[in-house]
C-alpha atoms as a PDB file:
ATOM      1  CA  UNK A   1      29.425  24.040  61.902  1.00  0.00           C
ATOM      2  CA  UNK A   2      26.543  26.910  61.192  1.00  0.00           C
ATOM      3  CA  UNK A   3      22.660  26.105  61.594  1.00  0.00           C
ATOM      4  CA  UNK A   4      20.492  25.937  58.048  1.00  0.00           C
ATOM      5  CA  UNK A   5      17.793  27.592  59.690  1.00  0.00           C
ATOM      6  CA  UNK A   6      19.471  31.293  60.292  1.00  0.00           C
ATOM      7  CA  UNK A   7      21.437  30.588  57.051  1.00  0.00           C
ATOM      8  CA  UNK A   8      17.928  30.549  55.036  1.00  0.00           C
ATOM      9  CA  UNK A   9      16.402  33.550  57.315  1.00  0.00           C
ATOM     10  CA  UNK A  10      13.456  30.999  58.434  1.00  0.00           C
ATOM     11  CA  UNK A  11      12.384  29.998  61.577  1.00  0.00           C
ATOM     12  CA  UNK A  12      14.501  27.036  62.530  1.00  0.00           C
ATOM     13  CA  UNK A  13      12.041  24.266  63.177  1.00  0.00           C
ATOM     14  CA  UNK A  14       9.823  24.859  60.323  1.00  0.00           C
ATOM     15  CA  UNK A  15      12.834  25.286  57.763  1.00  0.00           C
ATOM     16  CA  UNK A  16      14.480  22.020  58.548  1.00  0.00           C
ATOM     17  CA  UNK A  17      11.671  20.404  58.061  1.00  0.00           C
ATOM     18  CA  UNK A  18      11.014  22.157  54.517  1.00  0.00           C
ATOM     19  CA  UNK A  19      14.858  21.624  53.801  1.00  0.00           C
ATOM     20  CA  UNK A  20      14.695  17.768  54.893  1.00  0.00           C
ATOM     21  CA  UNK A  21      10.975  17.717  52.275  1.00  0.00           C
ATOM     22  CA  UNK A  22      13.293  19.310  49.501  1.00  0.00           C
ATOM     23  CA  UNK A  23      16.025  16.357  49.976  1.00  0.00           C
ATOM     24  CA  UNK A  24      13.824  13.990  50.381  1.00  0.00           C
ATOM     25  CA  UNK A  25      12.426  14.722  47.016  1.00  0.00           C
ATOM     26  CA  UNK A  26      15.617  15.135  45.441  1.00  0.00           C
ATOM     27  CA  UNK A  27      17.209  11.993  46.193  1.00  0.00           C
ATOM     28  CA  UNK A  28      14.301   9.242  46.443  1.00  0.00           C
ATOM     29  CA  UNK A  29      12.775   8.442  43.107  1.00  0.00           C
ATOM     30  CA  UNK A  30       9.144   8.517  42.808  1.00  0.00           C
ATOM     31  CA  UNK A  31       7.255   5.188  43.373  1.00  0.00           C
ATOM     32  CA  UNK A  32       6.643   4.887  39.916  1.00  0.00           C
ATOM     33  CA  UNK A  33      10.085   4.594  38.661  1.00  0.00           C
ATOM     34  CA  UNK A  34      10.573   2.091  41.595  1.00  0.00           C
ATOM     35  CA  UNK A  35       7.754  -0.057  40.316  1.00  0.00           C
ATOM     36  CA  UNK A  36       9.086   0.254  36.784  1.00  0.00           C
ATOM     37  CA  UNK A  37       6.142   2.081  35.430  1.00  0.00           C
ATOM     38  CA  UNK A  38       6.928   2.640  32.176  1.00  0.00           C
ATOM     39  CA  UNK A  39       6.360   6.969  31.208  1.00  0.00           C
ATOM     40  CA  UNK A  40       3.338   8.096  29.073  1.00  0.00           C
ATOM     41  CA  UNK A  41       3.851   8.082  25.623  1.00  0.00           C
ATOM     42  CA  UNK A  42       3.311  10.861  23.448  1.00  0.00           C
ATOM     43  CA  UNK A  43       2.741  11.319  19.660  1.00  0.00           C
ATOM     44  CA  UNK A  44       2.833  14.979  18.068  1.00  0.00           C
ATOM     45  CA  UNK A  45       2.837  15.938  14.680  1.00  0.00           C
ATOM     46  CA  UNK A  46       1.450  18.755  12.211  1.00  0.00           C
ATOM     47  CA  UNK A  47      -0.729  18.370   9.081  1.00  0.00           C
ATOM     48  CA  UNK A  48       1.225  19.806   5.879  1.00  0.00           C
ATOM     49  CA  UNK A  49      -0.437  20.344   2.594  1.00  0.00           C
ATOM     50  CA  UNK A  50       2.397  19.649   0.274  1.00  0.00           C
ATOM     51  CA  UNK A  51       0.665  21.161  -2.982  1.00  0.00           C
ATOM     52  CA  UNK A  52       2.683  24.446  -3.985  1.00  0.00           C
ATOM     53  CA  UNK A  53       2.839  26.368  -2.171  1.00  0.00           C
ATOM     54  CA  UNK A  54       3.198  24.242   0.997  1.00  0.00           C
ATOM     55  CA  UNK A  55       1.218  25.376   3.900  1.00  0.00           C
ATOM     56  CA  UNK A  56       0.196  23.828   7.477  1.00  0.00           C
ATOM     57  CA  UNK A  57      -3.589  22.900   7.598  1.00  0.00           C
ATOM     58  CA  UNK A  58      -5.378  24.524  10.895  1.00  0.00           C
ATOM     59  CA  UNK A  59      -8.662  23.113  12.314  1.00  0.00           C
ATOM     60  CA  UNK A  60      -7.974  19.496  10.500  1.00  0.00           C
ATOM     61  CA  UNK A  61      -9.506  16.407  12.183  1.00  0.00           C
ATOM     62  CA  UNK A  62      -6.906  14.263  13.059  1.00  0.00           C
ATOM     63  CA  UNK A  63      -7.716  10.531  14.142  1.00  0.00           C
ATOM     64  CA  UNK A  64      -5.278   8.530  16.137  1.00  0.00           C
ATOM     65  CA  UNK A  65      -6.107   4.650  15.908  1.00  0.00           C
ATOM     66  CA  UNK A  66      -4.687   2.047  18.768  1.00  0.00           C
ATOM     67  CA  UNK A  67      -4.695  -1.370  17.982  1.00  0.00           C
ATOM     68  CA  UNK A  68      -3.852  -3.750  20.130  1.00  0.00           C
ATOM     69  CA  UNK A  69      -4.575  -7.499  20.708  1.00  0.00           C
ATOM     70  CA  UNK A  70      -7.037  -7.650  18.035  1.00  0.00           C
ATOM     71  CA  UNK A  71      -8.979  -4.503  19.312  1.00  0.00           C
ATOM     72  CA  UNK A  72      -8.993  -0.992  18.563  1.00  0.00           C
ATOM     73  CA  UNK A  73      -9.644   2.245  20.178  1.00  0.00           C
ATOM     74  CA  UNK A  74      -9.517   5.952  18.599  1.00  0.00           C
ATOM     75  CA  UNK A  75      -8.999   9.585  19.772  1.00  0.00           C
ATOM     76  CA  UNK A  76      -9.757  12.770  17.810  1.00  0.00           C
ATOM     77  CA  UNK A  77      -8.203  15.835  17.938  1.00  0.00           C
ATOM     78  CA  UNK A  78      -7.930  19.300  15.971  1.00  0.00           C
ATOM     79  CA  UNK A  79      -5.009  20.759  14.115  1.00  0.00           C
ATOM     80  CA  UNK A  80      -3.612  24.167  15.727  1.00  0.00           C
ATOM     81  CA  UNK A  81      -3.391  27.030  13.779  1.00  0.00           C
ATOM     82  CA  UNK A  82       0.400  25.916  12.693  1.00  0.00           C
ATOM     83  CA  UNK A  83      -1.037  22.755  11.636  1.00  0.00           C
ATOM     84  CA  UNK A  84       0.127  20.996  14.639  1.00  0.00           C
ATOM     85  CA  UNK A  85      -1.449  18.193  17.044  1.00  0.00           C
ATOM     86  CA  UNK A  86      -0.318  16.069  19.975  1.00  0.00           C
ATOM     87  CA  UNK A  87      -2.014  12.982  21.551  1.00  0.00           C
ATOM     88  CA  UNK A  88      -0.432  12.674  25.221  1.00  0.00           C
ATOM     89  CA  UNK A  89      -1.099  10.033  27.720  1.00  0.00           C
ATOM     90  CA  UNK A  90      -0.567   6.980  25.673  1.00  0.00           C
ATOM     91  CA  UNK A  91       0.205   3.834  26.431  1.00  0.00           C
ATOM     92  CA  UNK A  92       3.859   2.633  25.990  1.00  0.00           C
ATOM     93  CA  UNK A  93       5.171  -0.696  25.470  1.00  0.00           C
ATOM     94  CA  UNK A  94       3.339  -4.209  25.334  1.00  0.00           C
ATOM     95  CA  UNK A  95       1.448  -5.146  22.020  1.00  0.00           C
ATOM     96  CA  UNK A  96      -0.057  -2.394  20.252  1.00  0.00           C
ATOM     97  CA  UNK A  97       0.711   0.082  17.631  1.00  0.00           C
ATOM     98  CA  UNK A  98      -0.710   3.512  16.443  1.00  0.00           C
ATOM     99  CA  UNK A  99      -1.907   4.848  13.319  1.00  0.00           C
ATOM    100  CA  UNK A 100      -2.645   8.405  12.584  1.00  0.00           C
ATOM    101  CA  UNK A 101      -4.619   9.441   9.563  1.00  0.00           C
ATOM    102  CA  UNK A 102      -6.788  12.390   8.330  1.00  0.00           C
ATOM    103  CA  UNK A 103      -9.307  12.420   5.560  1.00  0.00           C
ATOM    104  CA  UNK A 104      -8.912  16.029   3.503  1.00  0.00           C
ATOM    105  CA  UNK A 105     -10.668  17.098   0.079  1.00  0.00           C
ATOM    106  CA  UNK A 106     -12.351  13.300   0.283  1.00  0.00           C
ATOM    107  CA  UNK A 107      -9.283  11.411   0.068  1.00  0.00           C
ATOM    108  CA  UNK A 108      -7.810   9.360   3.209  1.00  0.00           C
ATOM    109  CA  UNK A 109      -4.423   9.873   4.612  1.00  0.00           C
ATOM    110  CA  UNK A 110      -2.414   7.915   6.991  1.00  0.00           C
ATOM    111  CA  UNK A 111       0.861   7.691   8.732  1.00  0.00           C
ATOM    112  CA  UNK A 112       3.203   4.196   9.231  1.00  0.00           C
ATOM    113  CA  UNK A 113       2.120   2.084  11.946  1.00  0.00           C
ATOM    114  CA  UNK A 114       3.927   3.727  15.189  1.00  0.00           C
ATOM    115  CA  UNK A 115       5.399   2.276  18.342  1.00  0.00           C
ATOM    116  CA  UNK A 116       5.970   3.467  21.560  1.00  0.00           C
ATOM    117  CA  UNK A 117       8.621   1.846  23.919  1.00  0.00           C
ATOM    118  CA  UNK A 118      10.129   3.121  27.477  1.00  0.00           C
ATOM    119  CA  UNK A 119      12.874   3.942  25.554  1.00  0.00           C
ATOM    120  CA  UNK A 120      11.260   5.823  23.203  1.00  0.00           C
ATOM    121  CA  UNK A 121       7.833   6.907  24.107  1.00  0.00           C
ATOM    122  CA  UNK A 122       7.351   9.745  22.014  1.00  0.00           C
ATOM    123  CA  UNK A 123       7.285  10.497  18.339  1.00  0.00           C
ATOM    124  CA  UNK A 124       7.101  13.231  15.969  1.00  0.00           C
ATOM    125  CA  UNK A 125       5.479  12.911  12.605  1.00  0.00           C
ATOM    126  CA  UNK A 126       4.457  15.305   9.442  1.00  0.00           C
ATOM    127  CA  UNK A 127       0.968  14.104   8.056  1.00  0.00           C
ATOM    128  CA  UNK A 128       1.098  14.860   4.448  1.00  0.00           C
ATOM    129  CA  UNK A 129      -1.693  15.967   2.469  1.00  0.00           C
ATOM    130  CA  UNK A 130      -2.598  17.253  -1.289  1.00  0.00           C
ATOM    131  CA  UNK A 131      -4.915  19.279  -3.070  1.00  0.00           C
ATOM    132  CA  UNK A 132      -7.059  17.026  -5.271  1.00  0.00           C
ATOM    133  CA  UNK A 133      -7.994  17.622  -9.319  1.00  0.00           C
ATOM    134  CA  UNK A 134     -10.530  14.953 -11.422  1.00  0.00           C
ATOM    135  CA  UNK A 135      -8.211  15.798 -14.196  1.00  0.00           C
ATOM    136  CA  UNK A 136      -6.140  11.985 -14.730  1.00  0.00           C
ATOM    137  CA  UNK A 137      -4.261  13.400 -17.936  1.00  0.00           C
ATOM    138  CA  UNK A 138      -0.440  13.031 -16.326  1.00  0.00           C
ATOM    139  CA  UNK A 139      -1.589   9.677 -14.691  1.00  0.00           C
ATOM    140  CA  UNK A 140       0.398   6.732 -16.035  1.00  0.00           C
ATOM    141  CA  UNK A 141       0.310   3.095 -15.546  1.00  0.00           C
ATOM    142  CA  UNK A 142       4.283   1.970 -15.277  1.00  0.00           C
ATOM    143  CA  UNK A 143       4.051  -1.214 -14.078  1.00  0.00           C
ATOM    144  CA  UNK A 144       2.682  -4.724 -14.208  1.00  0.00           C
ATOM    145  CA  UNK A 145       3.729  -7.552 -12.033  1.00  0.00           C
ATOM    146  CA  UNK A 146       2.446 -10.715 -12.059  1.00  0.00           C
ATOM    147  CA  UNK A 147       2.769 -14.497 -10.701  1.00  0.00           C
ATOM    148  CA  UNK A 148       0.813 -17.694 -12.029  1.00  0.00           C
ATOM    149  CA  UNK A 149       1.060 -20.526 -10.501  1.00  0.00           C
ATOM    150  CA  UNK A 150      -0.086 -23.995 -11.719  1.00  0.00           C
ATOM    151  CA  UNK A 151      -2.291 -26.648 -10.091  1.00  0.00           C
ATOM    152  CA  UNK A 152      -3.620 -29.321 -11.935  1.00  0.00           C
ATOM    153  CA  UNK A 153      -6.733 -27.870 -14.380  1.00  0.00           C
ATOM    154  CA  UNK A 154      -5.897 -24.454 -13.594  1.00  0.00           C
ATOM    155  CA  UNK A 155      -3.939 -21.724 -12.723  1.00  0.00           C
ATOM    156  CA  UNK A 156      -4.341 -18.666  -9.993  1.00  0.00           C
ATOM    157  CA  UNK A 157      -2.827 -15.284 -11.012  1.00  0.00           C
ATOM    158  CA  UNK A 158      -1.786 -12.761  -8.549  1.00  0.00           C
ATOM    159  CA  UNK A 159      -1.326  -9.234  -9.703  1.00  0.00           C
ATOM    160  CA  UNK A 160       0.433  -5.816  -8.915  1.00  0.00           C
ATOM    161  CA  UNK A 161      -0.454  -2.419 -11.232  1.00  0.00           C
ATOM    162  CA  UNK A 162       1.149   0.618 -10.528  1.00  0.00           C
ATOM    163  CA  UNK A 163      -0.281   3.952 -11.556  1.00  0.00           C
ATOM    164  CA  UNK A 164       2.013   7.030 -11.483  1.00  0.00           C
ATOM    165  CA  UNK A 165       1.416  10.602 -10.513  1.00  0.00           C
ATOM    166  CA  UNK A 166       4.169  13.021 -10.682  1.00  0.00           C
ATOM    167  CA  UNK A 167       2.016  16.419 -10.176  1.00  0.00           C
ATOM    168  CA  UNK A 168       1.472  17.441  -6.488  1.00  0.00           C
ATOM    169  CA  UNK A 169      -2.425  17.086  -6.531  1.00  0.00           C
ATOM    170  CA  UNK A 170      -4.108  14.118  -5.285  1.00  0.00           C
ATOM    171  CA  UNK A 171      -6.135  12.628  -8.740  1.00  0.00           C
ATOM    172  CA  UNK A 172      -9.959  12.000  -7.900  1.00  0.00           C
ATOM    173  CA  UNK A 173     -11.530   9.497  -9.706  1.00  0.00           C
ATOM    174  CA  UNK A 174     -15.267   9.550  -9.523  1.00  0.00           C
ATOM    175  CA  UNK A 175     -17.623   6.365  -9.505  1.00  0.00           C
ATOM    176  CA  UNK A 176     -19.281   7.706 -13.055  1.00  0.00           C
ATOM    177  CA  UNK A 177     -15.928   7.404 -15.025  1.00  0.00           C
ATOM    178  CA  UNK A 178     -13.683   4.958 -12.924  1.00  0.00           C
ATOM    179  CA  UNK A 179     -10.495   2.970 -13.600  1.00  0.00           C
ATOM    180  CA  UNK A 180     -10.741  -0.298 -15.263  1.00  0.00           C
ATOM    181  CA  UNK A 181      -8.866  -3.344 -15.164  1.00  0.00           C
ATOM    182  CA  UNK A 182      -9.657  -5.897 -17.665  1.00  0.00           C
ATOM    183  CA  UNK A 183     -10.037  -9.856 -16.487  1.00  0.00           C
ATOM    184  CA  UNK A 184      -9.485 -12.512 -19.267  1.00  0.00           C
ATOM    185  CA  UNK A 185     -12.375 -14.332 -20.003  1.00  0.00           C
ATOM    186  CA  UNK A 186     -13.562 -16.956 -17.442  1.00  0.00           C
ATOM    187  CA  UNK A 187     -11.643 -15.480 -14.210  1.00  0.00           C
ATOM    188  CA  UNK A 188     -12.915 -16.610 -11.505  1.00  0.00           C
ATOM    189  CA  UNK A 189     -12.377 -16.228  -7.639  1.00  0.00           C
ATOM    190  CA  UNK A 190     -11.025 -13.054  -7.672  1.00  0.00           C
ATOM    191  CA  UNK A 191      -9.540 -11.546  -4.715  1.00  0.00           C
ATOM    192  CA  UNK A 192      -8.788  -7.700  -3.594  1.00  0.00           C
ATOM    193  CA  UNK A 193      -5.849  -7.260  -1.802  1.00  0.00           C
ATOM    194  CA  UNK A 194      -4.416  -3.942  -1.772  1.00  0.00           C
ATOM    195  CA  UNK A 195      -4.770  -0.347  -2.899  1.00  0.00           C
ATOM    196  CA  UNK A 196      -8.768  -0.403  -3.718  1.00  0.00           C
ATOM    197  CA  UNK A 197     -11.551   1.681  -2.527  1.00  0.00           C
ATOM    198  CA  UNK A 198     -14.697   0.166  -3.399  1.00  0.00           C
ATOM    199  CA  UNK A 199     -14.306  -2.263  -6.034  1.00  0.00           C
ATOM    200  CA  UNK A 200     -16.475  -3.818  -8.688  1.00  0.00           C
ATOM    201  CA  UNK A 201     -16.215  -7.248 -10.814  1.00  0.00           C
ATOM    202  CA  UNK A 202     -18.447  -6.701 -14.035  1.00  0.00           C
ATOM    203  CA  UNK A 203     -18.514  -7.806 -17.834  1.00  0.00           C
ATOM    204  CA  UNK A 204     -15.031  -5.792 -18.529  1.00  0.00           C
ATOM    205  CA  UNK A 205     -13.320  -6.683 -15.566  1.00  0.00           C
ATOM    206  CA  UNK A 206     -12.633  -5.195 -12.066  1.00  0.00           C
ATOM    207  CA  UNK A 207     -13.920  -0.950 -11.875  1.00  0.00           C
ATOM    208  CA  UNK A 208     -13.032   1.067  -9.075  1.00  0.00           C
ATOM    209  CA  UNK A 209     -12.572   4.997  -8.156  1.00  0.00           C
ATOM    210  CA  UNK A 210      -9.244   4.637  -5.920  1.00  0.00           C
ATOM    211  CA  UNK A 211      -7.320   8.197  -5.500  1.00  0.00           C
ATOM    212  CA  UNK A 212      -3.840   8.477  -7.009  1.00  0.00           C
ATOM    213  CA  UNK A 213      -1.583  10.399  -4.799  1.00  0.00           C
ATOM    214  CA  UNK A 214       1.327  12.316  -5.875  1.00  0.00           C
ATOM    215  CA  UNK A 215       3.882   9.471  -6.749  1.00  0.00           C
ATOM    216  CA  UNK A 216       1.579   7.113  -7.660  1.00  0.00           C
ATOM    217  CA  UNK A 217      -0.598   4.480  -6.078  1.00  0.00           C
ATOM    218  CA  UNK A 218      -0.879   0.458  -6.701  1.00  0.00           C
ATOM    219  CA  UNK A 219      -3.541  -2.074  -6.596  1.00  0.00           C
ATOM    220  CA  UNK A 220      -3.036  -5.718  -6.030  1.00  0.00           C
ATOM    221  CA  UNK A 221      -5.576  -8.818  -6.932  1.00  0.00           C
ATOM    222  CA  UNK A 222      -5.902 -12.442  -7.596  1.00  0.00           C
ATOM    223  CA  UNK A 223      -8.071 -14.686  -9.629  1.00  0.00           C
ATOM    224  CA  UNK A 224      -8.171 -18.270 -10.760  1.00  0.00           C
ATOM    225  CA  UNK A 225      -8.599 -19.298 -14.527  1.00  0.00           C
ATOM    226  CA  UNK A 226      -9.647 -22.831 -15.270  1.00  0.00           C
ATOM    227  CA  UNK A 227      -7.634 -24.843 -18.024  1.00  0.00           C
ATOM    228  CA  UNK A 228      -9.948 -26.716 -20.061  1.00  0.00           C
ATOM    229  CA  UNK A 229      -7.581 -27.869 -22.408  1.00  0.00           C
ATOM    230  CA  UNK A 230      -4.058 -29.030 -21.595  1.00  0.00           C
ATOM    231  CA  UNK A 231      -2.996 -25.421 -23.567  1.00  0.00           C
ATOM    232  CA  UNK A 232      -3.953 -21.776 -21.525  1.00  0.00           C
ATOM    233  CA  UNK A 233      -3.444 -18.416 -22.185  1.00  0.00           C
ATOM    234  CA  UNK A 234      -3.159 -16.031 -19.728  1.00  0.00           C
ATOM    235  CA  UNK A 235      -3.733 -12.471 -21.267  1.00  0.00           C
ATOM    236  CA  UNK A 236      -3.568  -9.056 -19.809  1.00  0.00           C
ATOM    237  CA  UNK A 237      -5.073  -5.905 -22.020  1.00  0.00           C
ATOM    238  CA  UNK A 238      -4.133  -2.619 -20.632  1.00  0.00           C
ATOM    239  CA  UNK A 239      -6.372   0.205 -21.538  1.00  0.00           C
ATOM    240  CA  UNK A 240      -3.725   3.009 -20.111  1.00  0.00           C
ATOM    241  CA  UNK A 241      -1.069   0.975 -21.430  1.00  0.00           C
ATOM    242  CA  UNK A 242       2.429   0.382 -19.333  1.00  0.00           C
ATOM    243  CA  UNK A 243       5.868   1.286 -19.436  1.00  0.00           C
ATOM    244  CA  UNK A 244       7.039  -2.277 -17.721  1.00  0.00           C
ATOM    245  CA  UNK A 245       5.933  -5.829 -17.930  1.00  0.00           C
ATOM    246  CA  UNK A 246       7.461  -8.313 -15.114  1.00  0.00           C
ATOM    247  CA  UNK A 247       5.637 -11.955 -15.138  1.00  0.00           C
ATOM    248  CA  UNK A 248       6.720 -14.581 -13.004  1.00  0.00           C
ATOM    249  CA  UNK A 249       5.511 -17.965 -13.981  1.00  0.00           C
ATOM    250  CA  UNK A 250       6.250 -21.150 -11.882  1.00  0.00           C
ATOM    251  CA  UNK A 251       8.620 -23.304 -13.425  1.00  0.00           C
ATOM    252  CA  UNK A 252       6.750 -26.826 -12.581  1.00  0.00           C
ATOM    253  CA  UNK A 253       6.476 -28.455 -16.239  1.00  0.00           C
ATOM    254  CA  UNK A 254       4.335 -26.598 -18.644  1.00  0.00           C
ATOM    255  CA  UNK A 255       6.170 -25.343 -21.539  1.00  0.00           C
ATOM    256  CA  UNK A 256       5.535 -21.279 -21.414  1.00  0.00           C
ATOM    257  CA  UNK A 257       5.893 -18.863 -24.728  1.00  0.00           C
ATOM    258  CA  UNK A 258       5.204 -15.263 -23.902  1.00  0.00           C
ATOM    259  CA  UNK A 259       3.260 -13.003 -26.753  1.00  0.00           C
ATOM    260  CA  UNK A 260       4.963  -9.386 -26.011  1.00  0.00           C
ATOM    261  CA  UNK A 261       7.671 -10.763 -23.593  1.00  0.00           C
ATOM    262  CA  UNK A 262      10.504 -12.560 -23.701  1.00  0.00           C
ATOM    263  CA  UNK A 263      11.885 -14.400 -21.639  1.00  0.00           C
ATOM    264  CA  UNK A 264      14.494 -12.914 -19.348  1.00  0.00           C
ATOM    265  CA  UNK A 265      16.065 -15.879 -17.080  1.00  0.00           C
ATOM    266  CA  UNK A 266      14.698 -17.864 -14.029  1.00  0.00           C
ATOM    267  CA  UNK A 267      13.890 -16.536 -10.228  1.00  0.00           C
ATOM    268  CA  UNK A 268      14.343 -18.635  -7.093  1.00  0.00           C
ATOM    269  CA  UNK A 269      12.139 -16.969  -4.205  1.00  0.00           C
ATOM    270  CA  UNK A 270      11.598 -19.111  -0.858  1.00  0.00           C
ATOM    271  CA  UNK A 271      11.871 -22.460  -2.312  1.00  0.00           C
ATOM    272  CA  UNK A 272       9.897 -21.872  -5.396  1.00  0.00           C
ATOM    273  CA  UNK A 273      11.546 -21.697  -9.153  1.00  0.00           C
ATOM    274  CA  UNK A 274       9.865 -19.061 -11.554  1.00  0.00           C
ATOM    275  CA  UNK A 275       9.997 -18.562 -15.341  1.00  0.00           C
ATOM    276  CA  UNK A 276      10.639 -14.586 -15.631  1.00  0.00           C
ATOM    277  CA  UNK A 277       9.341 -12.976 -18.396  1.00  0.00           C
ATOM    278  CA  UNK A 278       9.380  -8.943 -19.256  1.00  0.00           C
ATOM    279  CA  UNK A 279       8.149  -6.892 -21.507  1.00  0.00           C
ATOM    280  CA  UNK A 280       7.253  -3.179 -22.093  1.00  0.00           C
ATOM    281  CA  UNK A 281       6.596  -0.469 -23.372  1.00  0.00           C
ATOM    282  CA  UNK A 282       2.844  -1.239 -24.197  1.00  0.00           C
ATOM    283  CA  UNK A 283       0.566   1.300 -25.642  1.00  0.00           C
ATOM    284  CA  UNK A 284      -2.949   2.347 -24.499  1.00  0.00           C
ATOM    285  CA  UNK A 285      -5.002  -0.818 -24.993  1.00  0.00           C
ATOM    286  CA  UNK A 286      -2.002  -2.866 -25.663  1.00  0.00           C
ATOM    287  CA  UNK A 287      -2.096  -6.835 -25.088  1.00  0.00           C
ATOM    288  CA  UNK A 288       0.563  -9.178 -23.835  1.00  0.00           C
ATOM    289  CA  UNK A 289       0.186 -12.705 -22.394  1.00  0.00           C
ATOM    290  CA  UNK A 290       1.736 -15.897 -21.516  1.00  0.00           C
ATOM    291  CA  UNK A 291       0.838 -19.478 -22.997  1.00  0.00           C
ATOM    292  CA  UNK A 292       1.186 -22.696 -20.982  1.00  0.00           C
ATOM    293  CA  UNK A 293       1.285 -25.343 -22.946  1.00  0.00           C
ATOM    294  CA  UNK A 294       0.680 -28.964 -20.846  1.00  0.00           C
ATOM    295  CA  UNK A 295      -1.057 -27.573 -17.679  1.00  0.00           C
ATOM    296  CA  UNK A 296      -2.102 -30.991 -15.863  1.00  0.00           C
ATOM    297  CA  UNK A 297      -5.434 -32.348 -15.776  1.00  0.00           C
ATOM    298  CA  UNK A 298      -7.727 -32.858 -12.780  1.00  0.00           C
ATOM    299  CA  UNK A 299      -9.559 -29.442 -11.207  1.00  0.00           C
ATOM    300  CA  UNK A 300      -7.854 -28.679  -7.791  1.00  0.00           C
ATOM    301  CA  UNK A 301      -8.915 -25.828  -4.938  1.00  0.00           C
ATOM    302  CA  UNK A 302      -7.475 -22.459  -4.977  1.00  0.00           C
ATOM    303  CA  UNK A 303      -6.988 -21.986  -1.158  1.00  0.00           C
ATOM    304  CA  UNK A 304      -3.630 -23.295  -0.892  1.00  0.00           C
ATOM    305  CA  UNK A 305      -2.470 -21.667  -4.516  1.00  0.00           C
ATOM    306  CA  UNK A 306      -3.430 -18.455  -2.777  1.00  0.00           C
ATOM    307  CA  UNK A 307      -1.471 -18.394   0.239  1.00  0.00           C
ATOM    308  CA  UNK A 308       1.344 -19.504  -2.040  1.00  0.00           C
ATOM    309  CA  UNK A 309       1.241 -17.166  -4.873  1.00  0.00           C
ATOM    310  CA  UNK A 310       0.324 -14.050  -2.098  1.00  0.00           C
ATOM    311  CA  UNK A 311       3.224 -15.020   0.054  1.00  0.00           C
ATOM    312  CA  UNK A 312       5.604 -14.846  -2.748  1.00  0.00           C
ATOM    313  CA  UNK A 313       4.026 -11.371  -4.357  1.00  0.00           C
ATOM    314  CA  UNK A 314       3.350  -9.631  -1.042  1.00  0.00           C
ATOM    315  CA  UNK A 315       5.432 -11.342   1.846  1.00  0.00           C
ATOM    316  CA  UNK A 316       8.387 -10.456  -0.320  1.00  0.00           C
ATOM    317  CA  UNK A 317       8.238  -6.753   0.277  1.00  0.00           C
ATOM    318  CA  UNK A 318       7.476  -6.435  -3.371  1.00  0.00           C
ATOM    319  CA  UNK A 319       4.640  -3.903  -2.695  1.00  0.00           C
ATOM    320  CA  UNK A 320       7.191  -1.650  -0.696  1.00  0.00           C
ATOM    321  CA  UNK A 321       9.807  -1.746  -3.647  1.00  0.00           C
ATOM    322  CA  UNK A 322       7.132  -0.536  -5.993  1.00  0.00           C
ATOM    323  CA  UNK A 323       5.949   2.393  -4.071  1.00  0.00           C
ATOM    324  CA  UNK A 324       9.037   3.548  -3.801  1.00  0.00           C
ATOM    325  CA  UNK A 325       9.417   3.519  -7.547  1.00  0.00           C
ATOM    326  CA  UNK A 326      13.014   1.618  -7.497  1.00  0.00           C
ATOM    327  CA  UNK A 327      14.410  -0.709  -9.971  1.00  0.00           C
ATOM    328  CA  UNK A 328      12.830  -4.434 -10.016  1.00  0.00           C
ATOM    329  CA  UNK A 329      13.060  -6.084  -6.752  1.00  0.00           C
ATOM    330  CA  UNK A 330      16.902  -7.396  -5.928  1.00  0.00           C
ATOM    331  CA  UNK A 331      15.205 -10.790  -4.735  1.00  0.00           C
ATOM    332  CA  UNK A 332      13.507 -10.954  -8.437  1.00  0.00           C
ATOM    333  CA  UNK A 333      16.917 -10.457 -10.342  1.00  0.00           C
ATOM    334  CA  UNK A 334      17.578 -13.355 -12.870  1.00  0.00           C
ATOM    335  CA  UNK A 335      19.344 -15.998 -11.204  1.00  0.00           C
ATOM    336  CA  UNK A 336      21.285 -19.338 -12.702  1.00  0.00           C
ATOM    337  CA  UNK A 337      19.416 -22.195 -12.754  1.00  0.00           C
ATOM    338  CA  UNK A 338      20.799 -25.045 -10.010  1.00  0.00           C
ATOM    339  CA  UNK A 339      21.983 -28.276 -11.596  1.00  0.00           C
END
C-alpha cells in the first residue's frame, strides 16, 4: 500500500500528523454539538418604505427588543444602503421572544413577535414603513363593536372601533386636532386597551392623536355606567359615522331594545350567551343605542366584570379579525338558542 506522504509530496512525519488532524476534524463533532448547545440565532431583514414608489430605507435605526421572563434587553443597528439589517449571535430557545421596530417620520412601526428555536434559529423579515400626511380626508370609521355586560346596579361596556385608511401614507393626527371618541354621560372607570397613543378623558369623551397606518387602525377601551333606575340607555355618538355597528348584550334578564339597531340573533361564547344587535351605515354625527329595561339593583364592583368582558372582546381573536378587515368573526355568527 503506498504511503500518504509521498502521494502528497510532503515530508512523511509532518504530513501524516496533518492528515490525521484533518481526518479527526471531519470525523469528530465539535464539543458544542456533543453537549447539545443550540446554535446562535439571527434575525435579518430590510426596511422598506411602501409609499409609491416603494424603496429601501438606508441608515434607519432599527431596534431589537429581547423579552424573557419578565425582563427585556435591547440592541440597535443601522440599515445599510439596501435597507438591510442583521442581528446576529442571538440566544435560541427558552422562553423568550424578539420584537423588531423602528421610528420613521415620527411613527412607530414594529414586527410581529419572533421566536427562535434550535430547529429554526434564523428568521428573515421585511419591516414596512410609510411616508406620512396630516390630511385625514380619506380616513373612515368602518366598525364599532361592543360587548355590554350587566351586573347589579350597573353595566360594563367594552368597545373596539376601527378606522380605515385606503391610501399608501400614514395619517399623523396632531394633539391640536385629535381624534375624538365620545363617551356617554356618567361613564366611569374608563380603561384603555389597545391602539392608543396618549389618550385623555375630558368632558367630550376620549381624545388622542394616534396615527392611522395604511389599511387602518383600531382602538379598544372599556367603561362603566351606573344604573340609577331599572331602565338604562347605552348610547354611541359617532362624529365620523361608521359603516357597521355590532353590539353583543349579555342575555341575563333585562329586556333589550335597539335604537338604530336590529336584533340579529343570539351568540354563545365560552359559556356566555349574548343578544346580537346590528346596524349601519351610520352618518357622521349619528347615534345608536341599546336600552336595557330591568337592570337589577344593588351596586356591584367592576373588576370581575372587566375580566369577563375583555376575555370575550380580545381573547377570542377579535382584534386580529378586525385588523385583517375580514367579515364579522366566525365565533360571533348567530347561533340557535339551546332549549
